[in-house]
Amino acid sequence: MSASPPDGFALIKPGQTYLGKQGIVYGAGASKETVGAQKICMNVMPMPPGAVAKAHYHRDIETIAFMLEGECAVYYGDHLEKRVLVAQGEQCFCDANIPHAPRNESGKPCTWIVVHSSGSDQDGIVLLPELDKELAERLAKV
């Protein structure tokens, strides 16, 4: 963990990346890992065409995501039975403990700006491989 900046202010330049538990390569932003944030973090989530995040939820952590560029489907709900298409300029809110899985089905890249109510977007992640399987089987029938 990085210590808080000595004067309480930090600039995060682009270029740092990391692989999240969800299987997506993120652009590192302001977080516990980069600046010592405790209660909030913001990262960039680029998704190339066909990219799929593993089904997961964030235990006791809220998420707000802004679609900076492109569009992406997000499956959510207890069985990922609900689907919303998020377009450029739109935001979505995901309450704590709600299973979800973004899937870039658009054929074009998309880029999210993601904010979590925790110091790290990797805090509290619970992976749900059974929902990955369930969703894949359901989509294969379409």
C-alpha atoms as a PDB file:
ATOM      1  CA  MET A   1       0.000   0.000   0.000  1.00  0.00           C
ATOM      2  CA  SER A   2       1.199   3.460  -0.825  1.00  0.00           C
ATOM      3  CA  ALA A   3       1.328   6.066   1.923  1.00  0.00           C
ATOM      4  CA  SER A   4      -0.868   9.130   1.661  1.00  0.00           C
ATOM      5  CA  PRO A   5       0.829  12.053  -0.076  1.00  0.00           C
ATOM      6  CA  PRO A   6       2.629  14.257   2.473  1.00  0.00           C
ATOM      7  CA  ASP A   7       0.627  17.344   1.517  1.00  0.00           C
ATOM      8  CA  GLY A   8      -2.672  15.486   0.888  1.00  0.00           C
ATOM      9  CA  PHE A   9      -2.609  15.847  -2.903  1.00  0.00           C
ATOM     10  CA  ALA A  10      -1.419  13.456  -5.606  1.00  0.00           C
ATOM     11  CA  LEU A  11      -1.318  13.369  -9.391  1.00  0.00           C
ATOM     12  CA  ILE A  12      -1.734   9.985 -11.061  1.00  0.00           C
ATOM     13  CA  LYS A  13      -0.372   9.845 -14.583  1.00  0.00           C
ATOM     14  CA  PRO A  14      -1.574   7.315 -17.141  1.00  0.00           C
ATOM     15  CA  GLY A  15       0.426   4.232 -18.001  1.00  0.00           C
ATOM     16  CA  GLN A  16       0.277   2.060 -14.881  1.00  0.00           C
ATOM     17  CA  THR A  17      -1.877  -1.051 -15.274  1.00  0.00           C
ATOM     18  CA  TYR A  18      -2.804  -4.105 -13.219  1.00  0.00           C
ATOM     19  CA  LEU A  19      -4.808  -7.299 -13.681  1.00  0.00           C
ATOM     20  CA  GLY A  20      -7.898  -7.339 -11.483  1.00  0.00           C
ATOM     21  CA  LYS A  21      -9.444 -10.441  -9.946  1.00  0.00           C
ATOM     22  CA  GLN A  22     -12.296  -9.971 -12.426  1.00  0.00           C
ATOM     23  CA  GLY A  23      -9.939 -10.819 -15.300  1.00  0.00           C
ATOM     24  CA  ILE A  24      -9.716  -7.285 -16.724  1.00  0.00           C
ATOM     25  CA  VAL A  25      -6.545  -5.183 -17.132  1.00  0.00           C
ATOM     26  CA  TYR A  26      -7.207  -1.822 -15.483  1.00  0.00           C
ATOM     27  CA  GLY A  27      -5.542   1.546 -15.790  1.00  0.00           C
ATOM     28  CA  ALA A  28      -4.401   2.391 -12.266  1.00  0.00           C
ATOM     29  CA  GLY A  29      -6.033   5.476 -10.820  1.00  0.00           C
ATOM     30  CA  ALA A  30      -6.306   7.027  -7.388  1.00  0.00           C
ATOM     31  CA  SER A  31      -6.555   4.138  -4.922  1.00  0.00           C
ATOM     32  CA  LYS A  32      -5.146   2.580  -1.781  1.00  0.00           C
ATOM     33  CA  GLU A  33      -2.357   1.095  -3.892  1.00  0.00           C
ATOM     34  CA  THR A  34      -1.283   4.332  -5.605  1.00  0.00           C
ATOM     35  CA  VAL A  35      -1.991   7.153  -3.126  1.00  0.00           C
ATOM     36  CA  GLY A  36      -3.121   5.502   0.109  1.00  0.00           C
ATOM     37  CA  ALA A  37      -6.834   6.264  -0.402  1.00  0.00           C
ATOM     38  CA  GLN A  38      -9.039   4.758   2.304  1.00  0.00           C
ATOM     39  CA  LYS A  39     -12.703   5.370   1.413  1.00  0.00           C
ATOM     40  CA  ILE A  40     -12.879   5.850  -2.351  1.00  0.00           C
ATOM     41  CA  CYS A  41     -11.017   4.887  -5.495  1.00  0.00           C
ATOM     42  CA  MET A  42     -11.304   5.549  -9.222  1.00  0.00           C
ATOM     43  CA  ASN A  43      -9.795   3.508 -12.040  1.00  0.00           C
ATOM     44  CA  VAL A  44     -10.011   3.205 -15.808  1.00  0.00           C
ATOM     45  CA  MET A  45     -11.395  -0.037 -17.208  1.00  0.00           C
ATOM     46  CA  PRO A  46     -10.748  -0.436 -20.940  1.00  0.00           C
ATOM     47  CA  MET A  47     -12.533  -3.398 -22.512  1.00  0.00           C
ATOM     48  CA  PRO A  48     -11.593  -4.530 -26.000  1.00  0.00           C
ATOM     49  CA  PRO A  49     -14.283  -6.122 -28.172  1.00  0.00           C
ATOM     50  CA  GLY A  50     -15.320  -9.466 -26.707  1.00  0.00           C
ATOM     51  CA  ALA A  51     -13.861  -8.771 -23.254  1.00  0.00           C
ATOM     52  CA  VAL A  52     -15.811 -10.338 -20.410  1.00  0.00           C
ATOM     53  CA  ALA A  53     -15.371  -9.628 -16.718  1.00  0.00           C
ATOM     54  CA  LYS A  54     -15.820 -12.557 -14.361  1.00  0.00           C
ATOM     55  CA  ALA A  55     -19.133 -12.527 -12.505  1.00  0.00           C
ATOM     56  CA  HIS A  56     -18.624 -10.983  -9.090  1.00  0.00           C
ATOM     57  CA  TYR A  57     -19.930  -8.651  -6.442  1.00  0.00           C
ATOM     58  CA  HIS A  58     -18.249  -6.213  -4.091  1.00  0.00           C
ATOM     59  CA  ARG A  59     -18.983  -7.121  -0.465  1.00  0.00           C
ATOM     60  CA  ASP A  60     -20.438  -4.025   1.229  1.00  0.00           C
ATOM     61  CA  ILE A  61     -18.969  -1.704  -1.454  1.00  0.00           C
ATOM     62  CA  GLU A  62     -20.959   0.493  -3.854  1.00  0.00           C
ATOM     63  CA  THR A  63     -19.879   1.090  -7.457  1.00  0.00           C
ATOM     64  CA  ILE A  64     -20.539   3.889  -9.931  1.00  0.00           C
ATOM     65  CA  ALA A  65     -19.332   3.446 -13.500  1.00  0.00           C
ATOM     66  CA  PHE A  66     -19.252   6.063 -16.266  1.00  0.00           C
ATOM     67  CA  MET A  67     -19.000   4.964 -19.910  1.00  0.00           C
ATOM     68  CA  LEU A  68     -16.347   7.286 -21.282  1.00  0.00           C
ATOM     69  CA  GLU A  69     -16.236   5.746 -24.747  1.00  0.00           C
ATOM     70  CA  GLY A  70     -18.212   3.060 -26.583  1.00  0.00           C
ATOM     71  CA  GLU A  71     -20.920   0.847 -25.141  1.00  0.00           C
ATOM     72  CA  CYS A  72     -21.073  -2.323 -23.072  1.00  0.00           C
ATOM     73  CA  ALA A  73     -23.655  -4.777 -21.783  1.00  0.00           C
ATOM     74  CA  VAL A  74     -23.814  -5.372 -18.046  1.00  0.00           C
ATOM     75  CA  TYR A  75     -25.536  -8.471 -16.724  1.00  0.00           C
ATOM     76  CA  TYR A  76     -26.671  -8.269 -13.106  1.00  0.00           C
ATOM     77  CA  GLY A  77     -28.979  -9.845 -10.547  1.00  0.00           C
ATOM     78  CA  ASP A  78     -28.897 -13.021  -8.488  1.00  0.00           C
ATOM     79  CA  HIS A  79     -28.532 -15.123 -11.665  1.00  0.00           C
ATOM     80  CA  LEU A  80     -27.266 -12.361 -13.991  1.00  0.00           C
ATOM     81  CA  GLU A  81     -30.758 -12.514 -15.451  1.00  0.00           C
ATOM     82  CA  LYS A  82     -31.003  -8.761 -16.053  1.00  0.00           C
ATOM     83  CA  ARG A  83     -29.158  -6.948 -18.846  1.00  0.00           C
ATOM     84  CA  VAL A  84     -28.585  -3.256 -19.444  1.00  0.00           C
ATOM     85  CA  LEU A  85     -26.716  -1.688 -22.337  1.00  0.00           C
ATOM     86  CA  VAL A  86     -24.619   1.254 -21.135  1.00  0.00           C
ATOM     87  CA  ALA A  87     -23.790   3.799 -23.855  1.00  0.00           C
ATOM     88  CA  GLN A  88     -21.174   6.538 -24.044  1.00  0.00           C
ATOM     89  CA  GLY A  89     -21.900   9.325 -21.562  1.00  0.00           C
ATOM     90  CA  GLU A  90     -24.155   7.172 -19.363  1.00  0.00           C
ATOM     91  CA  GLN A  91     -23.505   6.178 -15.763  1.00  0.00           C
ATOM     92  CA  CYS A  92     -24.664   3.157 -13.851  1.00  0.00           C
ATOM     93  CA  PHE A  93     -24.834   2.506 -10.121  1.00  0.00           C
ATOM     94  CA  CYS A  94     -24.393  -0.958  -8.639  1.00  0.00           C
ATOM     95  CA  ASP A  95     -25.354  -1.312  -5.003  1.00  0.00           C
ATOM     96  CA  ALA A  96     -23.181  -3.324  -2.664  1.00  0.00           C
ATOM     97  CA  ASN A  97     -23.489  -7.115  -2.866  1.00  0.00           C
ATOM     98  CA  ILE A  98     -25.206  -7.180  -6.303  1.00  0.00           C
ATOM     99  CA  PRO A  99     -23.742  -9.788  -8.689  1.00  0.00           C
ATOM    100  CA  HIS A 100     -22.712  -8.284 -12.030  1.00  0.00           C
ATOM    101  CA  ALA A 101     -20.608  -9.020 -15.101  1.00  0.00           C
ATOM    102  CA  PRO A 102     -19.793  -6.481 -17.847  1.00  0.00           C
ATOM    103  CA  ARG A 103     -19.456  -8.000 -21.337  1.00  0.00           C
ATOM    104  CA  ASN A 104     -18.325  -5.953 -24.312  1.00  0.00           C
ATOM    105  CA  GLU A 105     -20.613  -7.375 -26.973  1.00  0.00           C
ATOM    106  CA  SER A 106     -20.417  -4.272 -29.188  1.00  0.00           C
ATOM    107  CA  GLY A 107     -17.570  -5.309 -31.497  1.00  0.00           C
ATOM    108  CA  LYS A 108     -15.743  -2.056 -30.643  1.00  0.00           C
ATOM    109  CA  PRO A 109     -13.555  -1.058 -27.686  1.00  0.00           C
ATOM    110  CA  CYS A 110     -15.136   0.672 -24.719  1.00  0.00           C
ATOM    111  CA  THR A 111     -13.652   2.495 -21.741  1.00  0.00           C
ATOM    112  CA  TRP A 112     -15.206   2.830 -18.301  1.00  0.00           C
ATOM    113  CA  ILE A 113     -14.302   5.154 -15.431  1.00  0.00           C
ATOM    114  CA  VAL A 114     -15.135   3.163 -12.289  1.00  0.00           C
ATOM    115  CA  VAL A 115     -15.506   4.519  -8.733  1.00  0.00           C
ATOM    116  CA  HIS A 116     -15.845   2.342  -5.614  1.00  0.00           C
ATOM    117  CA  SER A 117     -16.699   3.285  -2.037  1.00  0.00           C
ATOM    118  CA  SER A 118     -13.483   1.669  -0.832  1.00  0.00           C
ATOM    119  CA  GLY A 119      -9.802   2.507  -1.108  1.00  0.00           C
ATOM    120  CA  SER A 120      -9.242  -0.256  -3.680  1.00  0.00           C
ATOM    121  CA  ASP A 121     -11.456  -1.659  -6.416  1.00  0.00           C
ATOM    122  CA  GLN A 122     -10.090  -5.087  -5.485  1.00  0.00           C
ATOM    123  CA  ASP A 123     -11.418  -4.867  -1.905  1.00  0.00           C
ATOM    124  CA  GLY A 124     -14.340  -7.139  -1.074  1.00  0.00           C
ATOM    125  CA  ILE A 125     -14.521  -8.890  -4.452  1.00  0.00           C
ATOM    126  CA  VAL A 126     -16.384 -12.182  -4.372  1.00  0.00           C
ATOM    127  CA  LEU A 127     -16.035 -14.168  -7.610  1.00  0.00           C
ATOM    128  CA  LEU A 128     -19.039 -16.214  -8.741  1.00  0.00           C
ATOM    129  CA  PRO A 129     -17.841 -18.884 -11.206  1.00  0.00           C
ATOM    130  CA  GLU A 130     -21.192 -20.665 -11.037  1.00  0.00           C
ATOM    131  CA  LEU A 131     -22.832 -17.541 -12.495  1.00  0.00           C
ATOM    132  CA  ASP A 132     -20.192 -17.343 -15.259  1.00  0.00           C
ATOM    133  CA  LYS A 133     -21.181 -20.867 -16.265  1.00  0.00           C
ATOM    134  CA  GLU A 134     -24.911 -20.175 -15.986  1.00  0.00           C
ATOM    135  CA  LEU A 135     -24.659 -17.013 -18.123  1.00  0.00           C
ATOM    136  CA  ALA A 136     -22.451 -18.693 -20.757  1.00  0.00           C
ATOM    137  CA  GLU A 137     -24.926 -21.575 -21.078  1.00  0.00           C
ATOM    138  CA  ARG A 138     -27.874 -19.165 -21.352  1.00  0.00           C
ATOM    139  CA  LEU A 139     -26.139 -17.016 -23.992  1.00  0.00           C
ATOM    140  CA  ALA A 140     -25.099 -20.093 -26.010  1.00  0.00           C
ATOM    141  CA  LYS A 141     -28.805 -20.896 -26.490  1.00  0.00           C
ATOM    142  CA  VAL A 142     -29.551 -17.486 -28.025  1.00  0.00           C
END
